[in-house]
Amino acid sequence: MPKLIHSRDGRFLGEFDLQEGTLSIGRAPDCDITLDDETVSGRHALITTRPSAYLEGLLDLLIEDLGSSNGTFVNDKRLSKRHMLKHDETVRIGGHAFTLIDEGTRALETTTIILPENP
């Protein structure tokens, strides 16, 4: 099962198992992951986990910025549209980092899979 490892300033803060469905991240108290950080918008980003359209038994993980003021970054690049997360990629929201650990797709790192640009 894929999971996000949450850290700030290099310190481990927790982990979140990713199951099919959505996970909201932001400063608002009703977000699934609530971040007490002034640089984070109330509803900052959304992660959608769904069955892979291409690889049976695996999950696709899509992240999108919800119009936040300070942006959402994947591997230090600001998101401009949805992005399909891959094993070991890091999402930065404000001062928080979330690294995806996905043992199910780790072995695919050396395999070339060509997917459409707009997931």
N, C-alpha and C. Protein backbone atom coordinates (compact mmCIF):
# COMPACT_ATOMS: atom_id res chain seq x y z
N MET A 1 0.85 -1.18 0.00
CA MET A 1 0.00 0.00 0.00
C MET A 1 0.90 1.25 0.00
N PRO A 2 0.64 2.18 -0.91
CA PRO A 2 1.45 3.39 -0.95
C PRO A 2 1.20 4.25 0.30
N LYS A 3 2.23 5.02 0.66
CA LYS A 3 2.07 5.91 1.82
C LYS A 3 2.89 7.18 1.61
N LEU A 4 2.49 8.22 2.31
CA LEU A 4 3.22 9.48 2.31
C LEU A 4 3.96 9.59 3.63
N ILE A 5 5.24 9.93 3.54
CA ILE A 5 6.06 10.18 4.73
C ILE A 5 6.12 11.69 4.90
N HIS A 6 5.62 12.19 6.02
CA HIS A 6 5.52 13.62 6.29
C HIS A 6 6.72 14.06 7.12
N SER A 7 7.38 15.12 6.65
CA SER A 7 8.52 15.66 7.41
C SER A 7 8.53 17.18 7.31
N ARG A 8 9.24 17.78 8.21
CA ARG A 8 9.46 19.23 8.19
C ARG A 8 10.85 19.50 8.74
N ASP A 9 11.62 20.26 7.99
CA ASP A 9 13.00 20.56 8.37
C ASP A 9 13.79 19.28 8.65
N GLY A 10 13.51 18.24 7.86
CA GLY A 10 14.24 16.98 7.99
C GLY A 10 13.77 16.10 9.13
N ARG A 11 12.77 16.52 9.88
CA ARG A 11 12.27 15.73 11.02
C ARG A 11 11.00 14.97 10.61
N PHE A 12 10.97 13.69 10.91
CA PHE A 12 9.82 12.84 10.62
C PHE A 12 8.64 13.29 11.49
N LEU A 13 7.48 13.51 10.86
CA LEU A 13 6.28 13.92 11.59
C LEU A 13 5.17 12.88 11.55
N GLY A 14 5.25 11.94 10.61
CA GLY A 14 4.21 10.91 10.54
C GLY A 14 4.13 10.31 9.15
N GLU A 15 3.20 9.38 9.01
CA GLU A 15 2.97 8.77 7.70
C GLU A 15 1.48 8.55 7.51
N PHE A 16 1.08 8.57 6.24
CA PHE A 16 -0.31 8.44 5.87
C PHE A 16 -0.45 7.36 4.81
N ASP A 17 -1.23 6.32 5.11
CA ASP A 17 -1.52 5.28 4.12
C ASP A 17 -2.49 5.84 3.10
N LEU A 18 -2.24 5.54 1.83
CA LEU A 18 -3.08 6.04 0.75
C LEU A 18 -3.95 4.91 0.23
N GLN A 19 -5.25 5.09 0.38
CA GLN A 19 -6.22 4.13 -0.12
C GLN A 19 -7.05 4.80 -1.20
N GLU A 20 -7.79 4.01 -1.93
CA GLU A 20 -8.62 4.55 -2.99
C GLU A 20 -9.52 5.65 -2.44
N GLY A 21 -9.55 6.78 -3.15
CA GLY A 21 -10.35 7.93 -2.72
C GLY A 21 -9.53 9.20 -2.79
N THR A 22 -9.95 10.22 -2.03
CA THR A 22 -9.24 11.50 -2.05
C THR A 22 -8.72 11.83 -0.66
N LEU A 23 -7.67 12.64 -0.64
CA LEU A 23 -7.04 13.09 0.59
C LEU A 23 -6.78 14.58 0.42
N SER A 24 -7.43 15.40 1.24
CA SER A 24 -7.26 16.84 1.14
C SER A 24 -6.17 17.30 2.11
N ILE A 25 -5.40 18.29 1.66
CA ILE A 25 -4.31 18.84 2.47
C ILE A 25 -4.50 20.35 2.54
N GLY A 26 -4.42 20.91 3.74
CA GLY A 26 -4.54 22.35 3.89
C GLY A 26 -4.57 22.76 5.34
N ARG A 27 -4.82 24.03 5.55
CA ARG A 27 -4.85 24.60 6.90
C ARG A 27 -6.23 24.46 7.55
N ALA A 28 -7.27 24.26 6.75
CA ALA A 28 -8.64 24.15 7.29
C ALA A 28 -8.76 22.91 8.18
N PRO A 29 -9.48 23.04 9.28
CA PRO A 29 -9.59 21.91 10.22
C PRO A 29 -10.29 20.68 9.66
N ASP A 30 -11.07 20.84 8.58
CA ASP A 30 -11.77 19.67 8.03
C ASP A 30 -10.97 18.96 6.93
N CYS A 31 -9.73 19.40 6.67
CA CYS A 31 -8.87 18.69 5.71
C CYS A 31 -8.43 17.37 6.31
N ASP A 32 -8.16 16.40 5.46
CA ASP A 32 -7.68 15.09 5.94
C ASP A 32 -6.30 15.22 6.58
N ILE A 33 -5.45 16.05 5.99
CA ILE A 33 -4.15 16.38 6.60
C ILE A 33 -4.18 17.88 6.86
N THR A 34 -4.24 18.27 8.13
CA THR A 34 -4.30 19.67 8.52
C THR A 34 -2.90 20.13 8.90
N LEU A 35 -2.45 21.22 8.25
CA LEU A 35 -1.12 21.75 8.49
C LEU A 35 -1.23 23.12 9.15
N ASP A 36 -0.66 23.27 10.33
CA ASP A 36 -0.66 24.54 11.03
C ASP A 36 0.53 25.35 10.53
N ASP A 37 0.34 26.03 9.41
CA ASP A 37 1.42 26.73 8.73
C ASP A 37 0.79 27.88 7.95
N GLU A 38 1.20 29.10 8.23
CA GLU A 38 0.61 30.28 7.58
C GLU A 38 0.86 30.32 6.08
N THR A 39 1.83 29.58 5.59
CA THR A 39 2.12 29.57 4.15
C THR A 39 1.26 28.55 3.39
N VAL A 40 0.40 27.85 4.12
CA VAL A 40 -0.48 26.83 3.53
C VAL A 40 -1.89 27.40 3.45
N SER A 41 -2.53 27.26 2.30
CA SER A 41 -3.91 27.72 2.11
C SER A 41 -4.89 26.81 2.84
N GLY A 42 -6.08 27.30 3.07
CA GLY A 42 -7.10 26.52 3.76
C GLY A 42 -7.35 25.18 3.09
N ARG A 43 -7.54 25.21 1.80
CA ARG A 43 -7.67 23.99 0.98
C ARG A 43 -6.59 24.09 -0.07
N HIS A 44 -5.46 23.51 0.21
CA HIS A 44 -4.25 23.72 -0.58
C HIS A 44 -4.10 22.74 -1.74
N ALA A 45 -4.21 21.45 -1.45
CA ALA A 45 -3.96 20.43 -2.49
C ALA A 45 -4.85 19.21 -2.25
N LEU A 46 -4.99 18.42 -3.30
CA LEU A 46 -5.81 17.21 -3.23
C LEU A 46 -5.05 16.06 -3.87
N ILE A 47 -5.01 14.93 -3.18
CA ILE A 47 -4.43 13.71 -3.74
C ILE A 47 -5.57 12.74 -4.00
N THR A 48 -5.65 12.27 -5.24
CA THR A 48 -6.67 11.29 -5.62
C THR A 48 -5.98 9.96 -5.88
N THR A 49 -6.46 8.93 -5.23
CA THR A 49 -5.91 7.58 -5.40
C THR A 49 -6.99 6.73 -6.05
N ARG A 50 -6.62 6.11 -7.18
CA ARG A 50 -7.59 5.31 -7.93
C ARG A 50 -6.88 4.11 -8.55
N PRO A 51 -7.64 3.07 -8.91
CA PRO A 51 -7.01 1.92 -9.56
C PRO A 51 -6.30 2.37 -10.84
N SER A 52 -5.14 1.80 -11.08
CA SER A 52 -4.38 2.14 -12.28
C SER A 52 -5.14 1.74 -13.54
N ALA A 53 -5.17 2.66 -14.48
CA ALA A 53 -5.81 2.37 -15.76
C ALA A 53 -4.93 1.49 -16.63
N TYR A 54 -3.66 1.32 -16.25
CA TYR A 54 -2.71 0.63 -17.11
C TYR A 54 -2.10 -0.62 -16.49
N LEU A 55 -2.00 -0.67 -15.17
CA LEU A 55 -1.33 -1.79 -14.51
C LEU A 55 -2.25 -2.39 -13.44
N GLU A 56 -2.77 -3.54 -13.72
CA GLU A 56 -3.71 -4.20 -12.82
C GLU A 56 -3.10 -4.42 -11.44
N GLY A 57 -3.88 -4.12 -10.41
CA GLY A 57 -3.45 -4.34 -9.04
C GLY A 57 -2.67 -3.19 -8.44
N LEU A 58 -2.36 -2.16 -9.24
CA LEU A 58 -1.63 -1.00 -8.73
C LEU A 58 -2.56 0.20 -8.68
N LEU A 59 -2.11 1.24 -7.97
CA LEU A 59 -2.89 2.45 -7.83
C LEU A 59 -2.20 3.62 -8.52
N ASP A 60 -2.99 4.51 -9.11
CA ASP A 60 -2.48 5.78 -9.62
C ASP A 60 -2.73 6.82 -8.54
N LEU A 61 -1.73 7.68 -8.32
CA LEU A 61 -1.86 8.74 -7.33
C LEU A 61 -1.66 10.08 -8.04
N LEU A 62 -2.71 10.88 -8.05
CA LEU A 62 -2.68 12.17 -8.72
C LEU A 62 -2.72 13.28 -7.68
N ILE A 63 -1.86 14.28 -7.84
CA ILE A 63 -1.90 15.44 -6.95
C ILE A 63 -2.24 16.66 -7.78
N GLU A 64 -3.04 17.54 -7.18
CA GLU A 64 -3.35 18.80 -7.85
C GLU A 64 -3.40 19.92 -6.82
N ASP A 65 -2.94 21.07 -7.24
CA ASP A 65 -3.02 22.27 -6.42
C ASP A 65 -4.44 22.82 -6.56
N LEU A 66 -5.02 23.28 -5.47
CA LEU A 66 -6.40 23.77 -5.50
C LEU A 66 -6.46 25.29 -5.56
N GLY A 67 -5.50 25.91 -6.26
CA GLY A 67 -5.48 27.36 -6.39
C GLY A 67 -4.86 28.04 -5.19
N SER A 68 -3.92 27.38 -4.55
CA SER A 68 -3.28 27.93 -3.36
C SER A 68 -2.48 29.19 -3.70
N SER A 69 -2.25 30.00 -2.68
CA SER A 69 -1.48 31.24 -2.87
C SER A 69 -0.01 30.97 -3.13
N ASN A 70 0.56 30.01 -2.41
CA ASN A 70 2.01 29.77 -2.48
C ASN A 70 2.42 28.57 -3.31
N GLY A 71 1.46 27.86 -3.87
CA GLY A 71 1.78 26.76 -4.77
C GLY A 71 2.08 25.44 -4.08
N THR A 72 2.04 24.40 -4.90
CA THR A 72 2.39 23.04 -4.51
C THR A 72 3.53 22.63 -5.42
N PHE A 73 4.55 22.00 -4.85
CA PHE A 73 5.75 21.66 -5.60
C PHE A 73 5.99 20.16 -5.55
N VAL A 74 6.38 19.58 -6.68
CA VAL A 74 6.79 18.18 -6.74
C VAL A 74 8.24 18.18 -7.22
N ASN A 75 9.11 17.64 -6.39
CA ASN A 75 10.56 17.64 -6.69
C ASN A 75 11.03 19.05 -7.06
N ASP A 76 10.59 20.02 -6.27
CA ASP A 76 10.98 21.44 -6.40
C ASP A 76 10.47 22.13 -7.65
N LYS A 77 9.55 21.51 -8.38
CA LYS A 77 8.93 22.17 -9.54
C LYS A 77 7.48 22.47 -9.20
N ARG A 78 7.10 23.72 -9.42
CA ARG A 78 5.73 24.14 -9.10
C ARG A 78 4.73 23.45 -10.04
N LEU A 79 3.66 22.92 -9.46
CA LEU A 79 2.61 22.27 -10.25
C LEU A 79 1.82 23.32 -11.01
N SER A 80 1.56 23.04 -12.27
CA SER A 80 0.68 23.90 -13.05
C SER A 80 -0.59 23.15 -13.44
N LYS A 81 -0.54 21.83 -13.31
CA LYS A 81 -1.70 20.98 -13.57
C LYS A 81 -1.55 19.73 -12.72
N ARG A 82 -2.46 18.79 -12.87
CA ARG A 82 -2.36 17.54 -12.10
C ARG A 82 -1.06 16.82 -12.44
N HIS A 83 -0.57 16.07 -11.47
CA HIS A 83 0.67 15.33 -11.66
C HIS A 83 0.48 13.94 -11.09
N MET A 84 0.92 12.91 -11.84
CA MET A 84 0.86 11.55 -11.34
C MET A 84 2.12 11.29 -10.53
N LEU A 85 1.94 11.06 -9.23
CA LEU A 85 3.08 10.83 -8.34
C LEU A 85 3.68 9.46 -8.57
N LYS A 86 4.99 9.40 -8.43
CA LYS A 86 5.74 8.14 -8.56
C LYS A 86 6.53 7.91 -7.28
N HIS A 87 6.91 6.66 -7.07
CA HIS A 87 7.70 6.28 -5.91
C HIS A 87 8.88 7.23 -5.72
N ASP A 88 9.09 7.68 -4.51
CA ASP A 88 10.22 8.49 -4.07
C ASP A 88 10.14 9.96 -4.51
N GLU A 89 9.02 10.39 -5.09
CA GLU A 89 8.87 11.82 -5.38
C GLU A 89 8.45 12.54 -4.10
N THR A 90 8.85 13.80 -4.00
CA THR A 90 8.54 14.59 -2.82
C THR A 90 7.66 15.77 -3.19
N VAL A 91 6.57 15.91 -2.45
CA VAL A 91 5.64 17.03 -2.58
C VAL A 91 5.96 18.01 -1.46
N ARG A 92 6.07 19.29 -1.81
CA ARG A 92 6.29 20.32 -0.79
C ARG A 92 5.10 21.26 -0.79
N ILE A 93 4.56 21.42 0.40
CA ILE A 93 3.44 22.33 0.64
C ILE A 93 3.84 23.20 1.83
N GLY A 94 4.06 24.48 1.57
CA GLY A 94 4.59 25.34 2.62
C GLY A 94 5.93 24.79 3.08
N GLY A 95 6.13 24.69 4.37
CA GLY A 95 7.37 24.16 4.91
C GLY A 95 7.34 22.65 5.13
N HIS A 96 6.31 21.99 4.61
CA HIS A 96 6.13 20.56 4.83
C HIS A 96 6.50 19.76 3.59
N ALA A 97 7.09 18.59 3.80
CA ALA A 97 7.46 17.70 2.70
C ALA A 97 6.74 16.37 2.90
N PHE A 98 6.26 15.81 1.79
CA PHE A 98 5.59 14.51 1.78
C PHE A 98 6.25 13.67 0.70
N THR A 99 6.91 12.59 1.10
CA THR A 99 7.59 11.71 0.16
C THR A 99 6.75 10.47 -0.05
N LEU A 100 6.50 10.12 -1.31
CA LEU A 100 5.71 8.94 -1.62
C LEU A 100 6.59 7.70 -1.58
N ILE A 101 6.14 6.73 -0.80
CA ILE A 101 6.77 5.41 -0.77
C ILE A 101 5.72 4.45 -1.31
N ASP A 102 6.05 3.82 -2.44
CA ASP A 102 5.11 2.90 -3.08
C ASP A 102 5.88 1.66 -3.50
N GLU A 103 5.93 0.69 -2.60
CA GLU A 103 6.67 -0.55 -2.86
C GLU A 103 6.12 -1.28 -4.08
N GLY A 104 4.82 -1.13 -4.36
CA GLY A 104 4.21 -1.80 -5.50
C GLY A 104 4.77 -1.34 -6.83
N THR A 105 5.20 -0.10 -6.90
CA THR A 105 5.74 0.41 -8.17
C THR A 105 7.24 0.63 -8.13
N ARG A 106 7.86 0.38 -6.99
CA ARG A 106 9.31 0.58 -6.87
C ARG A 106 10.08 -0.22 -7.92
N ALA A 107 9.66 -1.45 -8.17
CA ALA A 107 10.35 -2.30 -9.15
C ALA A 107 10.19 -1.77 -10.57
N LEU A 108 9.20 -0.94 -10.80
CA LEU A 108 8.96 -0.41 -12.13
C LEU A 108 9.87 0.77 -12.46
N GLU A 109 10.67 1.21 -11.51
CA GLU A 109 11.53 2.38 -11.72
C GLU A 109 12.48 2.18 -12.89
N THR A 110 12.86 0.97 -13.16
CA THR A 110 13.78 0.72 -14.27
C THR A 110 13.05 0.28 -15.54
N THR A 111 11.72 0.29 -15.48
CA THR A 111 10.90 -0.08 -16.62
C THR A 111 10.32 1.18 -17.25
N THR A 112 10.36 1.28 -18.55
CA THR A 112 9.78 2.43 -19.23
C THR A 112 8.32 2.15 -19.54
N ILE A 113 7.45 2.99 -19.02
CA ILE A 113 6.02 2.89 -19.28
C ILE A 113 5.60 4.24 -19.83
N ILE A 114 5.03 4.27 -21.02
CA ILE A 114 4.62 5.51 -21.62
C ILE A 114 3.13 5.71 -21.36
N LEU A 115 2.81 6.78 -20.62
CA LEU A 115 1.45 7.09 -20.25
C LEU A 115 1.02 8.38 -20.95
N PRO A 116 -0.29 8.59 -21.08
CA PRO A 116 -0.74 9.84 -21.69
C PRO A 116 -0.36 11.02 -20.80
N GLU A 117 -0.22 12.21 -21.39
CA GLU A 117 0.22 13.38 -20.65
C GLU A 117 -0.82 13.87 -19.66
N ASN A 118 -2.09 13.76 -19.95
CA ASN A 118 -3.15 14.24 -19.05
C ASN A 118 -3.85 13.06 -18.40
N PRO A 119 -3.41 12.71 -17.17
CA PRO A 119 -4.00 11.55 -16.50
C PRO A 119 -5.46 11.73 -16.14
